[in-house]
C-alpha atoms as a PDB file:
ATOM      1  CA  UNK A   1     122.754 116.202 100.470  1.00  0.00           C
ATOM      2  CA  UNK A   2     121.745 119.798  99.828  1.00  0.00           C
ATOM      3  CA  UNK A   3     119.267 121.527 102.099  1.00  0.00           C
ATOM      4  CA  UNK A   4     116.880 121.900  99.139  1.00  0.00           C
ATOM      5  CA  UNK A   5     116.989 118.189  98.387  1.00  0.00           C
ATOM      6  CA  UNK A   6     116.483 117.318 102.062  1.00  0.00           C
ATOM      7  CA  UNK A   7     113.471 119.624 102.129  1.00  0.00           C
ATOM      8  CA  UNK A   8     112.084 118.008  98.988  1.00  0.00           C
ATOM      9  CA  UNK A   9     112.277 114.600 100.669  1.00  0.00           C
ATOM     10  CA  UNK A  10     110.583 116.087 103.743  1.00  0.00           C
ATOM     11  CA  UNK A  11     107.739 117.428 101.567  1.00  0.00           C
ATOM     12  CA  UNK A  12     107.298 114.028  99.963  1.00  0.00           C
ATOM     13  CA  UNK A  13     107.148 112.376 103.379  1.00  0.00           C
ATOM     14  CA  UNK A  14     104.539 114.750 104.775  1.00  0.00           C
ATOM     15  CA  UNK A  15     102.464 114.343 101.602  1.00  0.00           C
ATOM     16  CA  UNK A  16     102.747 110.563 101.928  1.00  0.00           C
ATOM     17  CA  UNK A  17     101.706 110.560 105.570  1.00  0.00           C
ATOM     18  CA  UNK A  18      98.928 113.153 105.269  1.00  0.00           C
ATOM     19  CA  UNK A  19      97.310 111.625 102.193  1.00  0.00           C
ATOM     20  CA  UNK A  20      97.896 107.957 102.987  1.00  0.00           C
ATOM     21  CA  UNK A  21      99.875 107.391  99.805  1.00  0.00           C
ATOM     22  CA  UNK A  22     102.674 104.982  99.047  1.00  0.00           C
ATOM     23  CA  UNK A  23     106.139 106.257  98.220  1.00  0.00           C
ATOM     24  CA  UNK A  24     105.574 105.367  94.570  1.00  0.00           C
ATOM     25  CA  UNK A  25     102.262 107.253  94.491  1.00  0.00           C
ATOM     26  CA  UNK A  26     103.898 110.359  95.937  1.00  0.00           C
ATOM     27  CA  UNK A  27     106.761 110.138  93.448  1.00  0.00           C
ATOM     28  CA  UNK A  28     104.303 109.782  90.556  1.00  0.00           C
ATOM     29  CA  UNK A  29     102.232 112.718  91.845  1.00  0.00           C
ATOM     30  CA  UNK A  30     105.297 114.951  92.185  1.00  0.00           C
ATOM     31  CA  UNK A  31     106.530 113.971  88.745  1.00  0.00           C
ATOM     32  CA  UNK A  32     103.139 114.405  87.020  1.00  0.00           C
ATOM     33  CA  UNK A  33     102.593 117.916  88.364  1.00  0.00           C
ATOM     34  CA  UNK A  34     106.170 119.203  88.316  1.00  0.00           C
ATOM     35  CA  UNK A  35     106.336 119.427  92.094  1.00  0.00           C
ATOM     36  CA  UNK A  36     110.059 118.622  92.209  1.00  0.00           C
ATOM     37  CA  UNK A  37     110.849 121.852  90.361  1.00  0.00           C
ATOM     38  CA  UNK A  38     108.168 123.823  92.225  1.00  0.00           C
ATOM     39  CA  UNK A  39     109.481 122.881  95.660  1.00  0.00           C
ATOM     40  CA  UNK A  40     113.122 123.504  94.757  1.00  0.00           C
ATOM     41  CA  UNK A  41     112.250 126.839  93.093  1.00  0.00           C
ATOM     42  CA  UNK A  42     110.242 128.055  96.087  1.00  0.00           C
ATOM     43  CA  UNK A  43     112.376 126.475  98.804  1.00  0.00           C
ATOM     44  CA  UNK A  44     113.159 129.886 100.250  1.00  0.00           C
ATOM     45  CA  UNK A  45     109.475 130.615 100.829  1.00  0.00           C
ATOM     46  CA  UNK A  46     108.262 127.145 101.764  1.00  0.00           C
ATOM     47  CA  UNK A  47     110.867 125.898 104.207  1.00  0.00           C
ATOM     48  CA  UNK A  48     109.971 128.463 106.855  1.00  0.00           C
ATOM     49  CA  UNK A  49     106.365 127.248 107.115  1.00  0.00           C
ATOM     50  CA  UNK A  50     104.726 124.349 108.909  1.00  0.00           C
ATOM     51  CA  UNK A  51     103.444 121.119 107.434  1.00  0.00           C
ATOM     52  CA  UNK A  52      99.845 122.280 107.006  1.00  0.00           C
ATOM     53  CA  UNK A  53     100.885 125.338 105.015  1.00  0.00           C
ATOM     54  CA  UNK A  54     103.165 123.241 102.813  1.00  0.00           C
ATOM     55  CA  UNK A  55     100.400 120.707 102.155  1.00  0.00           C
ATOM     56  CA  UNK A  56      97.953 123.489 101.286  1.00  0.00           C
ATOM     57  CA  UNK A  57     100.485 125.102  98.956  1.00  0.00           C
ATOM     58  CA  UNK A  58     101.134 121.801  97.191  1.00  0.00           C
ATOM     59  CA  UNK A  59      97.381 121.225  96.805  1.00  0.00           C
ATOM     60  CA  UNK A  60      96.904 124.737  95.432  1.00  0.00           C
ATOM     61  CA  UNK A  61      99.729 124.242  92.955  1.00  0.00           C
ATOM     62  CA  UNK A  62      98.281 120.913  91.769  1.00  0.00           C
ATOM     63  CA  UNK A  63      94.869 122.567  91.303  1.00  0.00           C
ATOM     64  CA  UNK A  64      96.444 125.438  89.368  1.00  0.00           C
ATOM     65  CA  UNK A  65      98.415 123.277  86.957  1.00  0.00           C
ATOM     66  CA  UNK A  66      95.481 120.884  86.501  1.00  0.00           C
ATOM     67  CA  UNK A  67      93.145 123.641  85.308  1.00  0.00           C
END
C-alpha cells in the first residue's frame, strides 16, 4: 500500500469518527466531492498536519466545490 493511499484511508477514518458517519457515507461524500483526488494531490501538504487541520481543510474544500 502506498503512503498516499494509507493517508487517504486515515483521512476517511478521521472523517467517519469526527462526523459520526458510516463507512458508506464517508465513501459517498469523498466520491461526490472529489476528495479522493484532492487528498492524493495535496498529500504533501496535508500529511504533516493534525486531525483538526485535515478536517477543516476537507470541510473548506467541500464548501468551495459546493458553491
